[in-house]
Protein backbone atom coordinates (compact mmCIF):
# COMPACT_ATOMS: atom_id res chain seq x y z
CA MET A 1 7.11 12.56 -94.37
CA ASP A 2 9.55 15.47 -93.97
CA ILE A 3 7.77 18.07 -91.85
CA SER A 4 10.75 20.36 -91.29
CA ALA A 5 9.42 23.06 -93.63
CA LEU A 6 6.08 23.10 -91.83
CA ASP A 7 7.80 23.13 -88.45
CA ALA A 8 9.98 26.04 -89.52
CA GLY A 9 6.90 28.11 -90.27
CA LEU A 10 5.60 27.88 -86.71
CA ASN A 11 6.62 30.57 -84.24
CA GLU A 12 5.80 28.82 -80.97
CA GLN A 13 6.26 31.80 -78.67
CA GLU A 14 4.04 33.98 -80.86
CA LEU A 15 1.43 31.21 -80.93
CA ILE A 16 1.45 30.98 -77.12
CA GLU A 17 1.09 34.74 -76.67
CA PHE A 18 -1.66 34.86 -79.28
CA THR A 19 -3.60 32.17 -77.42
CA GLN A 20 -3.19 34.04 -74.14
CA GLN A 21 -4.67 37.14 -75.74
CA LEU A 22 -7.62 35.13 -77.02
CA VAL A 23 -8.29 33.81 -73.52
CA ARG A 24 -8.10 37.32 -72.08
CA THR A 25 -10.92 38.40 -74.40
CA HIS A 26 -14.21 37.94 -72.55
CA THR A 27 -16.58 36.21 -74.99
CA PRO A 28 -19.43 34.43 -73.16
CA HIS A 29 -21.91 33.07 -75.68
CA GLU A 30 -24.88 35.00 -74.34
CA GLU A 31 -23.15 38.30 -75.08
CA GLY A 32 -22.65 38.93 -78.78
CA ARG A 33 -20.53 41.99 -78.04
CA GLY A 34 -17.74 39.78 -76.69
CA GLU A 35 -17.64 37.87 -79.96
CA ARG A 36 -17.32 41.16 -81.81
CA VAL A 37 -14.24 42.03 -79.76
CA VAL A 38 -12.51 38.71 -80.40
CA ALA A 39 -13.54 38.82 -84.06
CA ALA A 40 -11.83 42.21 -84.40
CA PHE A 41 -8.69 40.79 -82.76
CA LEU A 42 -8.66 37.82 -85.16
CA LEU A 43 -9.29 40.04 -88.18
CA ASN A 44 -6.20 42.09 -87.30
CA LYS A 45 -4.06 38.94 -87.39
CA ILE A 46 -5.70 37.81 -90.63
CA LYS A 47 -4.93 41.21 -92.16
CA ASP A 48 -1.31 41.06 -90.92
CA TRP A 49 -0.86 37.79 -92.80
CA GLY A 50 -2.36 39.25 -95.97
CA TRP A 51 -5.39 36.98 -95.91
CA ARG A 52 -8.79 38.05 -97.16
CA ALA A 53 -11.70 37.54 -94.79
CA GLU A 54 -15.43 37.41 -95.39
CA VAL A 55 -17.52 38.48 -92.42
CA PHE A 56 -21.18 37.55 -92.21
CA ASP A 57 -23.82 38.11 -89.57
CA ALA A 58 -25.89 35.45 -87.81
CA GLY A 59 -28.42 36.62 -85.28
CA GLY A 60 -26.49 39.84 -84.74
CA ARG A 61 -23.23 37.97 -84.16
CA PRO A 62 -20.09 38.08 -86.33
CA ASN A 63 -18.68 35.10 -88.21
CA ILE A 64 -15.44 34.97 -90.19
CA VAL A 65 -14.55 32.86 -93.23
CA VAL A 66 -11.09 32.83 -94.79
CA THR A 67 -10.30 30.90 -97.98
CA LEU A 68 -6.67 30.37 -99.01
CA ALA A 69 -5.82 29.07 -102.46
CA GLY A 70 -2.68 26.94 -102.29
CA GLY A 71 -1.30 27.96 -105.65
CA GLY A 72 -0.36 24.36 -106.38
CA GLY A 73 -3.07 23.52 -108.87
CA ASP A 74 -6.53 22.10 -108.60
CA GLY A 75 -7.49 20.03 -105.60
CA PRO A 76 -10.01 19.61 -102.80
CA THR A 77 -11.04 22.10 -100.14
CA LEU A 78 -10.24 21.31 -96.52
CA ALA A 79 -11.84 23.37 -93.78
CA PHE A 80 -10.84 23.98 -90.18
CA GLU A 81 -13.55 25.16 -87.79
CA GLY A 82 -13.49 26.90 -84.44
CA HIS A 83 -15.97 28.95 -82.44
CA LEU A 84 -15.55 32.40 -80.93
CA ASP A 85 -17.73 32.10 -77.83
CA VAL A 86 -17.17 30.43 -74.46
CA VAL A 87 -19.47 29.48 -71.61
CA ALA A 88 -19.69 31.74 -68.58
CA GLU A 89 -17.04 31.39 -65.90
CA GLY A 90 -19.56 30.40 -63.23
CA ASP A 91 -18.80 30.66 -59.51
CA LEU A 92 -15.55 32.60 -59.14
CA ASP A 93 -14.95 30.97 -55.75
CA GLN A 94 -14.32 27.71 -57.59
CA TRP A 95 -11.44 29.24 -59.56
CA THR A 96 -7.87 29.48 -58.25
CA VAL A 97 -6.84 31.72 -61.17
CA ASP A 98 -8.38 34.66 -63.02
CA PRO A 99 -10.77 33.04 -65.54
CA PHE A 100 -9.72 35.59 -68.13
CA GLY A 101 -6.11 36.10 -67.13
CA GLY A 102 -4.46 33.72 -69.59
CA GLU A 103 -2.02 32.76 -66.84
CA ILE A 104 0.65 30.13 -67.50
CA ARG A 105 1.63 27.99 -64.54
CA ASP A 106 3.55 24.70 -64.53
CA GLY A 107 3.21 24.26 -68.27
CA LYS A 108 -0.54 24.90 -68.29
CA LEU A 109 -2.35 27.88 -69.82
CA TYR A 110 -5.39 28.60 -67.64
CA GLY A 111 -8.63 30.42 -68.34
CA ARG A 112 -12.18 30.10 -69.55
CA GLY A 113 -12.04 28.91 -73.13
CA SER A 114 -8.39 27.91 -72.97
CA ALA A 115 -9.36 24.40 -74.06
CA ASP A 116 -12.88 25.04 -75.38
CA MET A 117 -11.75 26.31 -77.71
CA LYS A 118 -9.43 29.26 -78.11
CA SER A 119 -6.36 27.03 -78.21
CA GLY A 120 -7.96 25.16 -81.09
CA VAL A 121 -8.67 28.44 -82.91
CA ALA A 122 -5.08 29.58 -82.44
CA ALA A 123 -3.64 26.22 -83.52
CA MET A 124 -5.72 26.03 -86.68
CA LEU A 125 -4.74 29.58 -87.69
CA TYR A 126 -1.03 29.07 -87.08
CA GLY A 127 -1.09 25.60 -88.63
CA THR A 128 -2.62 27.04 -91.79
CA ARG A 129 -0.05 29.83 -91.81
CA ALA A 130 2.75 27.25 -91.56
CA LEU A 131 1.24 25.33 -94.49
CA GLN A 132 1.14 28.51 -96.54
CA LEU A 133 4.75 29.46 -95.72
CA ALA A 134 5.99 25.97 -96.61
CA GLY A 135 5.17 26.53 -100.25
CA PRO A 136 2.44 25.83 -102.79
CA PHE A 137 -0.18 23.19 -102.10
CA PRO A 138 -3.06 21.98 -104.26
CA GLY A 139 -6.63 23.01 -103.60
CA ARG A 140 -7.74 25.33 -100.83
CA VAL A 141 -7.94 25.68 -97.07
CA ARG A 142 -10.99 27.36 -95.59
CA LEU A 143 -11.13 28.64 -92.03
CA PHE A 144 -14.45 28.99 -90.21
CA LEU A 145 -14.49 31.18 -87.09
CA LEU A 146 -18.09 30.95 -85.96
CA ALA A 147 -20.34 32.47 -83.31
CA ASP A 148 -22.76 30.95 -80.82
CA GLU A 149 -21.57 27.35 -80.75
CA GLU A 150 -22.30 27.22 -77.03
CA GLY A 151 -25.87 28.35 -77.68
CA MET A 152 -27.97 27.53 -80.74
CA MET A 153 -25.05 27.19 -83.20
CA THR A 154 -26.40 30.06 -85.27
CA GLY A 155 -23.01 30.64 -86.88
CA ALA A 156 -22.72 27.09 -88.23
CA LYS A 157 -26.33 27.09 -89.37
CA ALA A 158 -25.80 30.39 -91.20
CA ALA A 159 -22.58 29.11 -92.78
CA VAL A 160 -24.56 26.24 -94.30
CA ALA A 161 -27.50 28.46 -95.32
CA ASN A 162 -25.18 30.98 -96.98
CA GLY A 163 -23.43 28.32 -99.06
CA PHE A 164 -20.00 28.53 -97.45
CA VAL A 165 -19.68 24.75 -97.11
CA ARG A 166 -21.04 23.83 -100.55
CA ASP A 167 -17.57 23.21 -102.04
CA VAL A 168 -15.90 21.87 -98.87
CA ASP A 169 -14.67 18.26 -99.05
CA GLY A 170 -13.96 17.79 -95.35
CA VAL A 171 -13.81 19.76 -92.11
CA ILE A 172 -11.68 19.35 -89.01
CA CYS A 173 -13.43 20.79 -85.94
CA CYS A 174 -10.69 21.82 -83.54
CA GLU A 175 -12.56 21.11 -80.29
CA PRO A 176 -10.67 19.57 -77.33
CA GLU A 177 -10.69 15.76 -77.48
CA GLY A 178 -7.56 14.75 -75.58
CA ASP A 179 -5.58 13.37 -78.53
CA GLU A 180 -8.51 11.31 -79.80
CA VAL A 181 -9.58 11.54 -83.43
CA CYS A 182 -13.38 11.62 -83.26
CA PRO A 183 -15.32 10.93 -86.47
CA ILE A 184 -18.59 10.24 -84.63
CA SER A 185 -20.72 12.47 -82.38
CA LYS A 186 -23.81 11.95 -80.30
CA GLY A 187 -27.01 13.65 -81.35
CA ALA A 188 -28.90 16.05 -79.11
CA ILE A 189 -32.51 17.16 -78.77
CA ARG A 190 -33.54 19.97 -76.44
CA LEU A 191 -37.19 19.90 -75.44
CA ARG A 192 -39.61 21.98 -73.41
CA VAL A 193 -42.75 20.30 -72.09
CA ASP A 194 -45.56 22.63 -70.93
CA PHE A 195 -48.57 21.61 -68.84
CA THR A 196 -51.71 23.73 -68.46
CA GLY A 197 -54.25 23.04 -65.72
CA VAL A 198 -56.44 25.17 -63.47
CA MET A 199 -55.14 27.21 -60.56
CA SER A 200 -56.90 26.81 -57.21
CA HIS A 201 -56.51 27.08 -53.44
CA GLY A 202 -54.45 24.33 -51.85
CA ALA A 203 -57.25 23.70 -49.36
CA MET A 204 -59.71 23.07 -52.20
CA PRO A 205 -57.77 20.99 -54.73
CA TRP A 206 -60.97 19.63 -56.31
CA GLN A 207 -61.64 23.10 -57.73
CA GLY A 208 -58.41 23.07 -59.76
CA ARG A 209 -56.46 20.76 -62.01
CA ASN A 210 -52.94 20.30 -60.70
CA THR A 211 -50.21 19.99 -63.34
CA LEU A 212 -47.58 18.52 -61.03
CA PRO A 213 -48.86 14.92 -60.95
CA ALA A 214 -48.67 14.87 -64.76
CA LEU A 215 -45.17 16.29 -64.65
CA ALA A 216 -44.16 13.58 -62.18
CA ARG A 217 -45.61 10.88 -64.44
CA VAL A 218 -43.63 12.22 -67.37
CA LEU A 219 -40.43 12.18 -65.31
CA LEU A 220 -41.02 8.51 -64.58
CA GLY A 221 -42.12 7.86 -68.15
CA VAL A 222 -39.00 9.25 -69.79
CA GLU A 223 -36.88 7.30 -67.33
CA THR A 224 -38.61 4.14 -68.55
CA LEU A 225 -38.23 5.24 -72.15
CA GLU A 226 -34.51 5.81 -71.64
CA GLY A 227 -34.17 2.27 -70.36
CA ALA A 228 -36.06 0.96 -73.38
CA LEU A 229 -33.76 2.87 -75.75
CA ILE A 230 -30.68 1.39 -74.10
CA GLN A 231 -32.20 -2.07 -74.47
CA GLU A 232 -32.99 -1.45 -78.14
CA VAL A 233 -29.72 0.08 -79.37
CA GLY A 234 -27.30 -0.74 -76.56
CA SER A 235 -24.19 1.20 -75.73
CA ARG A 236 -22.39 2.41 -78.84
CA PRO A 237 -18.60 2.56 -78.33
CA PRO A 238 -17.03 5.02 -78.11
CA LEU A 239 -20.12 7.17 -77.51
CA GLY A 240 -21.77 5.16 -74.77
CA ALA A 241 -25.51 4.88 -74.25
CA PRO A 242 -28.36 7.22 -75.21
CA SER A 243 -29.94 9.32 -72.45
CA ILE A 244 -33.02 11.38 -71.65
CA THR A 245 -32.16 13.78 -68.85
CA PRO A 246 -34.59 16.15 -67.10
CA THR A 247 -32.63 19.34 -66.46
CA VAL A 248 -35.13 22.05 -65.46
CA VAL A 249 -38.50 22.04 -63.69
CA ARG A 250 -40.59 25.20 -63.32
CA ALA A 251 -43.76 25.23 -61.25
CA GLY A 252 -45.30 27.50 -58.65
CA THR A 253 -43.51 29.75 -56.17
CA ALA A 254 -42.43 29.15 -52.60
CA ASP A 255 -44.27 32.26 -51.35
CA GLN A 256 -47.54 30.84 -52.71
CA MET A 257 -47.20 27.24 -51.54
CA ASN A 258 -50.86 27.24 -50.53
CA THR A 259 -51.83 27.61 -54.18
CA ILE A 260 -52.10 24.89 -56.79
CA THR A 261 -50.26 26.14 -59.85
CA GLY A 262 -52.11 26.18 -63.13
CA THR A 263 -48.98 25.82 -65.23
CA SER A 264 -45.67 24.02 -65.09
CA ALA A 265 -42.81 23.22 -67.45
CA LEU A 266 -40.17 20.56 -67.81
CA TYR A 267 -37.00 20.73 -69.91
CA LEU A 268 -35.33 17.61 -71.29
CA ASP A 269 -31.79 17.13 -72.64
CA VAL A 270 -31.85 14.09 -74.94
CA ARG A 271 -28.66 12.48 -76.27
CA THR A 272 -28.78 9.92 -79.06
CA VAL A 273 -26.49 7.46 -80.79
CA PRO A 274 -26.56 5.82 -84.24
CA GLY A 275 -29.60 3.60 -84.57
CA ILE A 276 -31.99 6.11 -83.02
CA ASP A 277 -34.31 8.00 -85.37
CA HIS A 278 -35.06 11.41 -83.92
CA GLU A 279 -38.51 11.72 -85.45
CA THR A 280 -39.56 8.37 -83.98
CA LEU A 281 -38.09 9.22 -80.59
CA LEU A 282 -39.90 12.57 -80.50
CA LYS A 283 -43.14 10.77 -81.22
CA ARG A 284 -42.55 8.38 -78.31
CA ILE A 285 -41.80 11.25 -75.93
CA GLY A 286 -44.91 13.05 -77.16
CA GLU A 287 -47.04 9.99 -76.50
CA CYS A 288 -45.67 9.80 -72.96
CA VAL A 289 -46.58 13.45 -72.34
CA ASP A 290 -50.04 13.14 -73.96
CA THR A 291 -50.92 10.10 -71.83
CA ALA A 292 -49.88 11.78 -68.59
CA ALA A 293 -51.76 14.97 -69.40
CA ARG A 294 -54.90 13.14 -70.48
CA ASP A 295 -54.95 11.01 -67.34
CA CYS A 296 -54.74 14.18 -65.24
CA ALA A 297 -57.29 16.08 -67.38
CA ILE A 298 -54.90 18.89 -68.23
CA GLY A 299 -53.39 20.31 -71.40
CA SER A 300 -49.85 19.77 -72.65
CA ALA A 301 -47.47 20.82 -75.41
CA VAL A 302 -44.01 19.67 -76.46
CA THR A 303 -41.69 22.21 -78.09
CA VAL A 304 -38.48 21.20 -79.85
CA ILE A 305 -35.96 23.91 -78.97
CA ASP A 306 -33.18 22.37 -81.03
CA ASP A 307 -32.61 19.11 -82.90
CA ARG A 308 -29.05 18.01 -83.69
CA PRO A 309 -28.87 14.50 -85.16
CA TRP A 310 -25.97 12.17 -84.46
CA VAL A 311 -23.33 12.21 -87.20
CA GLU A 312 -20.69 9.75 -88.31
CA THR A 313 -17.83 9.96 -90.79
CA GLY A 314 -16.25 6.70 -91.88
CA SER A 315 -12.96 5.94 -90.14
CA ASP A 316 -11.51 4.87 -93.52
CA THR A 317 -12.24 8.16 -95.30
CA THR A 318 -9.39 10.32 -96.59
CA LEU A 319 -10.23 12.99 -94.00
CA VAL A 320 -9.89 10.68 -91.00
CA THR A 321 -6.92 8.67 -92.27
CA ALA A 322 -4.99 11.86 -93.13
CA LEU A 323 -5.53 13.16 -89.62
CA MET A 324 -4.57 9.82 -88.06
CA ARG A 325 -1.33 9.73 -90.07
CA ALA A 326 -0.56 13.36 -89.21
CA HIS A 327 -0.95 12.75 -85.49
CA GLU A 328 1.36 9.74 -85.71
CA THR A 329 3.93 11.66 -87.75
CA VAL A 330 4.07 14.53 -85.26
CA ASN A 331 3.70 12.57 -82.02
CA GLY A 332 5.23 9.21 -82.84
CA VAL A 333 2.16 7.27 -81.69
CA ARG A 334 -1.05 6.17 -83.38
CA PRO A 335 -4.04 8.10 -81.96
CA SER A 336 -7.17 6.45 -80.64
CA LEU A 337 -10.46 6.74 -82.48
CA GLY A 338 -12.96 8.35 -80.15
CA GLY A 339 -16.41 9.89 -80.11
CA VAL A 340 -17.82 13.27 -79.11
CA PRO A 341 -20.17 12.93 -76.12
CA GLY A 342 -21.85 16.23 -76.98
CA THR A 343 -22.44 18.05 -80.23
CA THR A 344 -20.22 20.52 -82.08
CA ASP A 345 -20.56 22.84 -85.05
CA GLY A 346 -19.40 19.80 -87.01
CA THR A 347 -22.80 18.24 -86.29
CA ILE A 348 -24.46 21.06 -88.21
CA LEU A 349 -21.90 21.14 -91.02
CA THR A 350 -22.17 17.39 -91.57
CA HIS A 351 -25.91 16.81 -91.17
CA TYR A 352 -27.20 19.93 -92.89
CA GLY A 353 -24.20 20.82 -95.06
CA LYS A 354 -23.46 17.20 -96.09
CA VAL A 355 -19.73 17.67 -95.38
CA PRO A 356 -17.67 14.91 -93.70
CA SER A 357 -16.31 16.12 -90.37
CA VAL A 358 -13.94 14.92 -87.69
CA VAL A 359 -13.33 16.46 -84.26
CA TYR A 360 -9.75 16.76 -82.98
CA GLY A 361 -8.16 19.52 -80.95
CA PRO A 362 -5.94 20.56 -78.03
CA GLY A 363 -7.13 20.20 -74.48
CA GLY A 364 -8.53 17.46 -72.29
CA LYS A 365 -11.73 15.73 -73.34
CA TRP A 366 -13.50 16.42 -70.04
CA ILE A 367 -12.03 19.79 -68.99
CA ALA A 368 -14.41 22.02 -70.97
CA HIS A 369 -16.81 24.22 -68.96
CA MET A 370 -15.08 23.43 -65.65
CA ALA A 371 -13.45 25.81 -63.19
CA ASP A 372 -9.68 26.19 -63.67
CA GLU A 373 -10.02 25.16 -67.31
CA TRP A 374 -6.58 24.71 -68.87
CA VAL A 375 -4.64 23.52 -71.89
CA ALA A 376 -1.07 22.25 -71.94
CA VAL A 377 1.19 24.90 -73.45
CA ARG A 378 3.07 22.24 -75.41
CA ASP A 379 -0.18 21.22 -77.09
CA LEU A 380 -0.42 24.50 -78.98
CA LYS A 381 2.47 23.93 -81.38
CA ARG A 382 1.90 20.17 -81.40
CA TYR A 383 -1.64 20.57 -82.71
CA ALA A 384 -0.82 23.43 -85.07
CA LEU A 385 1.84 21.24 -86.68
CA THR A 386 -0.52 18.26 -86.83
CA TYR A 387 -3.14 20.39 -88.58
CA ALA A 388 -0.57 21.53 -91.14
CA VAL A 389 0.61 17.97 -91.80
CA ALA A 390 -2.97 16.68 -92.06
CA ALA A 391 -3.88 19.45 -94.51
CA GLN A 392 -0.84 18.78 -96.66
CA ASP A 393 -1.64 15.06 -96.74
CA PHE A 394 -5.38 15.51 -97.41
CA LEU A 395 -4.92 18.09 -100.15
CA HIS A 396 -2.19 16.20 -102.00
CA GLU A 397 -4.11 12.93 -101.73
CA GLY A 398 -7.25 14.55 -103.12
CA ALA A 399 -5.35 16.15 -106.00
CA ARG A 400 -4.03 12.83 -107.36
């Protein structure tokens, strides 16, 4: 495939500077105002290129959709997806650079969100622009720039609810995966378990009903359940094994350690793989909690905070094979098929929107959310070009 026309449409220096500006925009996911600032910055670039944007709200947070008709006749719709928010920078003492400085050092662009995923956002925009400048193409490209991926994925959920994915034939989520093409992602369930007993003096425990023994039993119970799941479904390459991880415990206060608390709470982060039915798993966790609470004569409740099923797109689908070929064309080597250890907006778009998705983007697979987060500067153009080649391949293949 001759990619010279696509390559010619990519201004690498402009792409690098654009990515630096994105990193310098402070957009932690818990602050919707930061997303509004970066959305305004992106809308200026979209306007400069003469593209038309639709902006919709989700939970008070802005989301952007751009649809470009190729002018080359009828064909499928390929989407690229990126999110606007980043996680907080955390302990500044762990950073050796300004988390929002966009500094380039030794070929690396540093900063919070540099990999996860402002480099992916920049690459998908500039890759689409290169495709447009190279001439007509069949079908359409749709760009999703969504809010709150690091939280409850309200942007992706609203995109599905508002019908923006109804005519999409495939979506490439531009999250960092270290040159792996990932058509499969783990599922995730976030749970809160509440226990209600009776508060009493620590010297007279018989007058109360302590919730902590029940909480301890549940901790041991979910550990046993995790082991049973691994026995039942095994480790699923390339995702690995399922897990049930206690992450937060809330009970009592240190200044009242002579008091038996009447309430406590436990939070669980559950990760699943193909072969695990979420409804059945939730029932098993609920039974574990009910048994512990009943044995301790206290009340309990399990609340599902979020439920994101595992998703899988066939490795032989046009979406995945087009991306595999594009990576090989640009980089001269066949990429590995990988899996996403967490969840992405693609999880929502695929499960609820019924759209095939694959995750592939610049940045290391394990660098996200860490101090001194970085992306290789050379990855920016490399991925932008790969996106353009993949889009050209997918759209022409679907138009035949």
